[in-house]
Amino acid sequence: MSNRPGGFAHVTRADGTVLITHHGRPAATLRGGRAARFLNEVETGDAQLVMARWTGNYKHGNERAARRRGRG
């Protein structure tokens, strides 16, 4: 089983707003400079990982184990 994020998508609206969804549900809305930085990161990196990081949905599954081992 992979811990890679998935199920993310993004749409850029005419006004420059970026809507990030996760499995079809809204996860984040970015405007202005934040939207521009996000789009730049998506173009240059792993899009799924970038979207997971920007929405805060990237730490699922291993937090407790890492805390027990002194890594968090």
PDB file of N, CA and C in Angstrom:
ATOM      1  N   MET A   1       0.827  -1.167   0.000  1.00  0.00           N
ATOM      2  CA  MET A   1       0.000   0.000   0.000  1.00  0.00           C
ATOM      3  C   MET A   1       0.879   1.241   0.000  1.00  0.00           C
ATOM      4  N   SER A   2       0.550   2.210  -0.844  1.00  0.00           N
ATOM      5  CA  SER A   2       1.341   3.411  -0.983  1.00  0.00           C
ATOM      6  C   SER A   2       0.794   4.532  -0.113  1.00  0.00           C
ATOM      7  N   ASN A   3       1.690   5.340   0.420  1.00  0.00           N
ATOM      8  CA  ASN A   3       1.288   6.505   1.199  1.00  0.00           C
ATOM      9  C   ASN A   3       1.241   7.763   0.349  1.00  0.00           C
ATOM     10  N   ARG A   4       1.344   7.612  -0.966  1.00  0.00           N
ATOM     11  CA  ARG A   4       1.290   8.763  -1.854  1.00  0.00           C
ATOM     12  C   ARG A   4      -0.116   9.354  -1.869  1.00  0.00           C
ATOM     13  N   PRO A   5      -0.213  10.680  -1.843  1.00  0.00           N
ATOM     14  CA  PRO A   5      -1.536  11.307  -1.903  1.00  0.00           C
ATOM     15  C   PRO A   5      -2.161  11.129  -3.277  1.00  0.00           C
ATOM     16  N   GLY A   6      -3.463  11.137  -3.325  1.00  0.00           N
ATOM     17  CA  GLY A   6      -4.178  11.012  -4.591  1.00  0.00           C
ATOM     18  C   GLY A   6      -5.577  11.578  -4.463  1.00  0.00           C
ATOM     19  N   GLY A   7      -6.262  11.717  -5.582  1.00  0.00           N
ATOM     20  CA  GLY A   7      -7.634  12.190  -5.572  1.00  0.00           C
ATOM     21  C   GLY A   7      -7.771  13.694  -5.619  1.00  0.00           C
ATOM     22  N   PHE A   8      -6.671  14.407  -5.796  1.00  0.00           N
ATOM     23  CA  PHE A   8      -6.719  15.860  -5.853  1.00  0.00           C
ATOM     24  C   PHE A   8      -6.865  16.344  -7.284  1.00  0.00           C
ATOM     25  N   ALA A   9      -7.529  17.480  -7.433  1.00  0.00           N
ATOM     26  CA  ALA A   9      -7.648  18.158  -8.728  1.00  0.00           C
ATOM     27  C   ALA A   9      -7.724  19.649  -8.457  1.00  0.00           C
ATOM     28  N   HIS A  10      -7.390  20.444  -9.460  1.00  0.00           N
ATOM     29  CA  HIS A  10      -7.519  21.885  -9.293  1.00  0.00           C
ATOM     30  C   HIS A  10      -8.075  22.517 -10.555  1.00  0.00           C
ATOM     31  N   VAL A  11      -8.766  23.632 -10.364  1.00  0.00           N
ATOM     32  CA  VAL A  11      -9.365  24.389 -11.457  1.00  0.00           C
ATOM     33  C   VAL A  11      -8.982  25.849 -11.263  1.00  0.00           C
ATOM     34  N   THR A  12      -8.544  26.487 -12.341  1.00  0.00           N
ATOM     35  CA  THR A  12      -8.259  27.914 -12.290  1.00  0.00           C
ATOM     36  C   THR A  12      -9.433  28.642 -12.921  1.00  0.00           C
ATOM     37  N   ARG A  13     -10.045  29.527 -12.168  1.00  0.00           N
ATOM     38  CA  ARG A  13     -11.206  30.278 -12.647  1.00  0.00           C
ATOM     39  C   ARG A  13     -10.747  31.512 -13.416  1.00  0.00           C
ATOM     40  N   ALA A  14     -11.688  32.144 -14.131  1.00  0.00           N
ATOM     41  CA  ALA A  14     -11.381  33.302 -14.967  1.00  0.00           C
ATOM     42  C   ALA A  14     -10.794  34.468 -14.162  1.00  0.00           C
ATOM     43  N   ASP A  15     -11.180  34.600 -12.902  1.00  0.00           N
ATOM     44  CA  ASP A  15     -10.679  35.700 -12.076  1.00  0.00           C
ATOM     45  C   ASP A  15      -9.324  35.391 -11.430  1.00  0.00           C
ATOM     46  N   GLY A  16      -8.728  34.244 -11.738  1.00  0.00           N
ATOM     47  CA  GLY A  16      -7.432  33.860 -11.206  1.00  0.00           C
ATOM     48  C   GLY A  16      -7.497  33.031  -9.943  1.00  0.00           C
ATOM     49  N   THR A  17      -8.672  32.829  -9.401  1.00  0.00           N
ATOM     50  CA  THR A  17      -8.847  32.008  -8.207  1.00  0.00           C
ATOM     51  C   THR A  17      -8.615  30.541  -8.565  1.00  0.00           C
ATOM     52  N   VAL A  18      -7.936  29.827  -7.681  1.00  0.00           N
ATOM     53  CA  VAL A  18      -7.688  28.401  -7.875  1.00  0.00           C
ATOM     54  C   VAL A  18      -8.492  27.639  -6.830  1.00  0.00           C
ATOM     55  N   LEU A  19      -9.281  26.689  -7.289  1.00  0.00           N
ATOM     56  CA  LEU A  19     -10.063  25.833  -6.408  1.00  0.00           C
ATOM     57  C   LEU A  19      -9.431  24.444  -6.423  1.00  0.00           C
ATOM     58  N   ILE A  20      -9.040  23.959  -5.251  1.00  0.00           N
ATOM     59  CA  ILE A  20      -8.467  22.617  -5.123  1.00  0.00           C
ATOM     60  C   ILE A  20      -9.545  21.722  -4.533  1.00  0.00           C
ATOM     61  N   THR A  21      -9.761  20.566  -5.167  1.00  0.00           N
ATOM     62  CA  THR A  21     -10.736  19.606  -4.661  1.00  0.00           C
ATOM     63  C   THR A  21     -10.040  18.293  -4.323  1.00  0.00           C
ATOM     64  N   HIS A  22     -10.650  17.563  -3.403  1.00  0.00           N
ATOM     65  CA  HIS A  22     -10.154  16.238  -3.031  1.00  0.00           C
ATOM     66  C   HIS A  22     -11.331  15.283  -3.119  1.00  0.00           C
ATOM     67  N   HIS A  23     -11.253  14.350  -4.050  1.00  0.00           N
ATOM     68  CA  HIS A  23     -12.340  13.415  -4.343  1.00  0.00           C
ATOM     69  C   HIS A  23     -13.654  14.164  -4.609  1.00  0.00           C
ATOM     70  N   GLY A  24     -13.549  15.263  -5.358  1.00  0.00           N
ATOM     71  CA  GLY A  24     -14.723  16.021  -5.770  1.00  0.00           C
ATOM     72  C   GLY A  24     -15.247  17.026  -4.769  1.00  0.00           C
ATOM     73  N   ARG A  25     -14.667  17.081  -3.593  1.00  0.00           N
ATOM     74  CA  ARG A  25     -15.123  18.026  -2.566  1.00  0.00           C
ATOM     75  C   ARG A  25     -14.121  19.170  -2.435  1.00  0.00           C
ATOM     76  N   PRO A  26     -14.596  20.396  -2.266  1.00  0.00           N
ATOM     77  CA  PRO A  26     -13.677  21.536  -2.111  1.00  0.00           C
ATOM     78  C   PRO A  26     -12.745  21.335  -0.920  1.00  0.00           C
ATOM     79  N   ALA A  27     -11.456  21.564  -1.154  1.00  0.00           N
ATOM     80  CA  ALA A  27     -10.465  21.414  -0.089  1.00  0.00           C
ATOM     81  C   ALA A  27      -9.774  22.737   0.222  1.00  0.00           C
ATOM     82  N   ALA A  28      -9.614  23.609  -0.794  1.00  0.00           N
ATOM     83  CA  ALA A  28      -8.958  24.897  -0.572  1.00  0.00           C
ATOM     84  C   ALA A  28      -9.291  25.833  -1.723  1.00  0.00           C
ATOM     85  N   THR A  29      -9.287  27.118  -1.417  1.00  0.00           N
ATOM     86  CA  THR A  29      -9.455  28.157  -2.428  1.00  0.00           C
ATOM     87  C   THR A  29      -8.295  29.126  -2.262  1.00  0.00           C
ATOM     88  N   LEU A  30      -7.570  29.368  -3.348  1.00  0.00           N
ATOM     89  CA  LEU A  30      -6.404  30.250  -3.312  1.00  0.00           C
ATOM     90  C   LEU A  30      -6.637  31.432  -4.236  1.00  0.00           C
ATOM     91  N   ARG A  31      -6.214  32.604  -3.789  1.00  0.00           N
ATOM     92  CA  ARG A  31      -6.380  33.828  -4.580  1.00  0.00           C
ATOM     93  C   ARG A  31      -5.069  34.603  -4.610  1.00  0.00           C
ATOM     94  N   GLY A  32      -4.934  35.448  -5.605  1.00  0.00           N
ATOM     95  CA  GLY A  32      -3.800  36.373  -5.681  1.00  0.00           C
ATOM     96  C   GLY A  32      -2.458  35.682  -5.775  1.00  0.00           C
ATOM     97  N   GLY A  33      -1.518  36.194  -4.960  1.00  0.00           N
ATOM     98  CA  GLY A  33      -0.147  35.683  -4.972  1.00  0.00           C
ATOM     99  C   GLY A  33      -0.045  34.228  -4.560  1.00  0.00           C
ATOM    100  N   ARG A  34      -0.898  33.827  -3.621  1.00  0.00           N
ATOM    101  CA  ARG A  34      -0.873  32.413  -3.198  1.00  0.00           C
ATOM    102  C   ARG A  34      -1.258  31.505  -4.353  1.00  0.00           C
ATOM    103  N   ALA A  35      -2.251  31.910  -5.138  1.00  0.00           N
ATOM    104  CA  ALA A  35      -2.670  31.107  -6.292  1.00  0.00           C
ATOM    105  C   ALA A  35      -1.540  31.009  -7.307  1.00  0.00           C
ATOM    106  N   ALA A  36      -0.843  32.113  -7.552  1.00  0.00           N
ATOM    107  CA  ALA A  36       0.269  32.111  -8.505  1.00  0.00           C
ATOM    108  C   ALA A  36       1.394  31.196  -8.031  1.00  0.00           C
ATOM    109  N   ARG A  37       1.740  31.267  -6.745  1.00  0.00           N
ATOM    110  CA  ARG A  37       2.796  30.389  -6.209  1.00  0.00           C
ATOM    111  C   ARG A  37       2.392  28.925  -6.313  1.00  0.00           C
ATOM    112  N   PHE A  38       1.129  28.644  -6.003  1.00  0.00           N
ATOM    113  CA  PHE A  38       0.636  27.272  -6.090  1.00  0.00           C
ATOM    114  C   PHE A  38       0.757  26.749  -7.520  1.00  0.00           C
ATOM    115  N   LEU A  39       0.285  27.524  -8.498  1.00  0.00           N
ATOM    116  CA  LEU A  39       0.334  27.081  -9.898  1.00  0.00           C
ATOM    117  C   LEU A  39       1.760  26.841 -10.359  1.00  0.00           C
ATOM    118  N   ASN A  40       2.690  27.670  -9.903  1.00  0.00           N
ATOM    119  CA  ASN A  40       4.091  27.477 -10.250  1.00  0.00           C
ATOM    120  C   ASN A  40       4.609  26.158  -9.667  1.00  0.00           C
ATOM    121  N   GLU A  41       4.268  25.869  -8.420  1.00  0.00           N
ATOM    122  CA  GLU A  41       4.701  24.612  -7.794  1.00  0.00           C
ATOM    123  C   GLU A  41       4.100  23.394  -8.481  1.00  0.00           C
ATOM    124  N   VAL A  42       2.828  23.478  -8.861  1.00  0.00           N
ATOM    125  CA  VAL A  42       2.166  22.347  -9.518  1.00  0.00           C
ATOM    126  C   VAL A  42       2.838  22.036 -10.847  1.00  0.00           C
ATOM    127  N   GLU A  43       3.241  23.082 -11.573  1.00  0.00           N
ATOM    128  CA  GLU A  43       3.878  22.882 -12.877  1.00  0.00           C
ATOM    129  C   GLU A  43       5.262  22.267 -12.751  1.00  0.00           C
ATOM    130  N   THR A  44       5.965  22.546 -11.654  1.00  0.00           N
ATOM    131  CA  THR A  44       7.352  22.094 -11.533  1.00  0.00           C
ATOM    132  C   THR A  44       7.529  20.870 -10.651  1.00  0.00           C
ATOM    133  N   GLY A  45       6.480  20.449  -9.932  1.00  0.00           N
ATOM    134  CA  GLY A  45       6.625  19.319  -9.014  1.00  0.00           C
ATOM    135  C   GLY A  45       5.555  18.265  -9.225  1.00  0.00           C
ATOM    136  N   ASP A  46       5.476  17.344  -8.286  1.00  0.00           N
ATOM    137  CA  ASP A  46       4.459  16.296  -8.283  1.00  0.00           C
ATOM    138  C   ASP A  46       3.132  16.942  -7.894  1.00  0.00           C
ATOM    139  N   ALA A  47       2.220  17.055  -8.831  1.00  0.00           N
ATOM    140  CA  ALA A  47       0.970  17.795  -8.619  1.00  0.00           C
ATOM    141  C   ALA A  47       0.171  17.261  -7.438  1.00  0.00           C
ATOM    142  N   GLN A  48       0.053  15.954  -7.289  1.00  0.00           N
ATOM    143  CA  GLN A  48      -0.728  15.387  -6.190  1.00  0.00           C
ATOM    144  C   GLN A  48      -0.099  15.726  -4.839  1.00  0.00           C
ATOM    145  N   LEU A  49       1.206  15.631  -4.750  1.00  0.00           N
ATOM    146  CA  LEU A  49       1.901  15.943  -3.509  1.00  0.00           C
ATOM    147  C   LEU A  49       1.789  17.431  -3.179  1.00  0.00           C
ATOM    148  N   VAL A  50       1.931  18.280  -4.179  1.00  0.00           N
ATOM    149  CA  VAL A  50       1.815  19.726  -3.979  1.00  0.00           C
ATOM    150  C   VAL A  50       0.423  20.079  -3.481  1.00  0.00           C
ATOM    151  N   MET A  51      -0.619  19.520  -4.109  1.00  0.00           N
ATOM    152  CA  MET A  51      -1.983  19.826  -3.681  1.00  0.00           C
ATOM    153  C   MET A  51      -2.248  19.311  -2.271  1.00  0.00           C
ATOM    154  N   ALA A  52      -1.733  18.142  -1.936  1.00  0.00           N
ATOM    155  CA  ALA A  52      -1.905  17.609  -0.586  1.00  0.00           C
ATOM    156  C   ALA A  52      -1.249  18.530   0.435  1.00  0.00           C
ATOM    157  N   ARG A  53      -0.064  19.018   0.109  1.00  0.00           N
ATOM    158  CA  ARG A  53       0.643  19.896   1.034  1.00  0.00           C
ATOM    159  C   ARG A  53      -0.084  21.229   1.203  1.00  0.00           C
ATOM    160  N   TRP A  54      -0.560  21.802   0.107  1.00  0.00           N
ATOM    161  CA  TRP A  54      -1.244  23.096   0.171  1.00  0.00           C
ATOM    162  C   TRP A  54      -2.580  22.998   0.898  1.00  0.00           C
ATOM    163  N   THR A  55      -3.214  21.855   0.891  1.00  0.00           N
ATOM    164  CA  THR A  55      -4.492  21.720   1.589  1.00  0.00           C
ATOM    165  C   THR A  55      -4.316  21.227   3.015  1.00  0.00           C
ATOM    166  N   GLY A  56      -3.100  20.837   3.385  1.00  0.00           N
ATOM    167  CA  GLY A  56      -2.863  20.330   4.732  1.00  0.00           C
ATOM    168  C   GLY A  56      -3.280  18.887   4.902  1.00  0.00           C
ATOM    169  N   ASN A  57      -3.515  18.191   3.796  1.00  0.00           N
ATOM    170  CA  ASN A  57      -4.006  16.816   3.844  1.00  0.00           C
ATOM    171  C   ASN A  57      -2.888  15.852   3.445  1.00  0.00           C
ATOM    172  N   TYR A  58      -1.756  15.935   4.147  1.00  0.00           N
ATOM    173  CA  TYR A  58      -0.635  15.110   3.730  1.00  0.00           C
ATOM    174  C   TYR A  58      -0.006  14.315   4.859  1.00  0.00           C
ATOM    175  N   LYS A  59      -0.572  14.312   6.052  1.00  0.00           N
ATOM    176  CA  LYS A  59       0.043  13.616   7.177  1.00  0.00           C
ATOM    177  C   LYS A  59      -0.860  12.530   7.719  1.00  0.00           C
ATOM    178  N   HIS A  60      -1.442  11.723   6.881  1.00  0.00           N
ATOM    179  CA  HIS A  60      -2.366  10.723   7.379  1.00  0.00           C
ATOM    180  C   HIS A  60      -1.726   9.340   7.393  1.00  0.00           C
ATOM    181  N   GLY A  61      -1.809   8.697   8.522  1.00  0.00           N
ATOM    182  CA  GLY A  61      -1.384   7.314   8.600  1.00  0.00           C
ATOM    183  C   GLY A  61      -0.169   7.047   9.452  1.00  0.00           C
ATOM    184  N   ASN A  62       0.773   7.972   9.519  1.00  0.00           N
ATOM    185  CA  ASN A  62       2.002   7.627  10.232  1.00  0.00           C
ATOM    186  C   ASN A  62       2.341   8.586  11.368  1.00  0.00           C
ATOM    187  N   GLU A  63       1.466   9.513  11.720  1.00  0.00           N
ATOM    188  CA  GLU A  63       1.804  10.471  12.760  1.00  0.00           C
ATOM    189  C   GLU A  63       2.029   9.800  14.112  1.00  0.00           C
ATOM    190  N   ARG A  64       1.141   8.895  14.490  1.00  0.00           N
ATOM    191  CA  ARG A  64       1.253   8.251  15.787  1.00  0.00           C
ATOM    192  C   ARG A  64       2.520   7.414  15.887  1.00  0.00           C
ATOM    193  N   ALA A  65       2.814   6.649  14.848  1.00  0.00           N
ATOM    194  CA  ALA A  65       4.005   5.805  14.857  1.00  0.00           C
ATOM    195  C   ALA A  65       5.266   6.665  14.948  1.00  0.00           C
ATOM    196  N   ALA A  66       5.298   7.767  14.223  1.00  0.00           N
ATOM    197  CA  ALA A  66       6.461   8.641  14.260  1.00  0.00           C
ATOM    198  C   ALA A  66       6.616   9.283  15.635  1.00  0.00           C
ATOM    199  N   ARG A  67       5.513   9.659  16.264  1.00  0.00           N
ATOM    200  CA  ARG A  67       5.566  10.265  17.591  1.00  0.00           C
ATOM    201  C   ARG A  67       6.125   9.276  18.609  1.00  0.00           C
ATOM    202  N   ARG A  68       5.707   8.013  18.501  1.00  0.00           N
ATOM    203  CA  ARG A  68       6.204   6.997  19.439  1.00  0.00           C
ATOM    204  C   ARG A  68       7.700   6.771  19.286  1.00  0.00           C
ATOM    205  N   ARG A  69       8.211   6.968  18.077  1.00  0.00           N
ATOM    206  CA  ARG A  69       9.632   6.753  17.825  1.00  0.00           C
ATOM    207  C   ARG A  69      10.458   8.019  18.043  1.00  0.00           C
ATOM    208  N   GLY A  70       9.801   9.106  18.432  1.00  0.00           N
ATOM    209  CA  GLY A  70      10.525  10.341  18.689  1.00  0.00           C
ATOM    210  C   GLY A  70      10.798  11.156  17.454  1.00  0.00           C
ATOM    211  N   ARG A  71       9.983  10.992  16.409  1.00  0.00           N
ATOM    212  CA  ARG A  71      10.196  11.741  15.166  1.00  0.00           C
ATOM    213  C   ARG A  71       9.073  12.748  14.909  1.00  0.00           C
ATOM    214  N   GLY A  72       8.439  13.251  15.872  1.00  0.00           N
ATOM    215  CA  GLY A  72       7.359  14.181  15.562  1.00  0.00           C
ATOM    216  C   GLY A  72       6.847  14.886  16.679  1.00  0.00           C
TER     217      GLY A  72
END
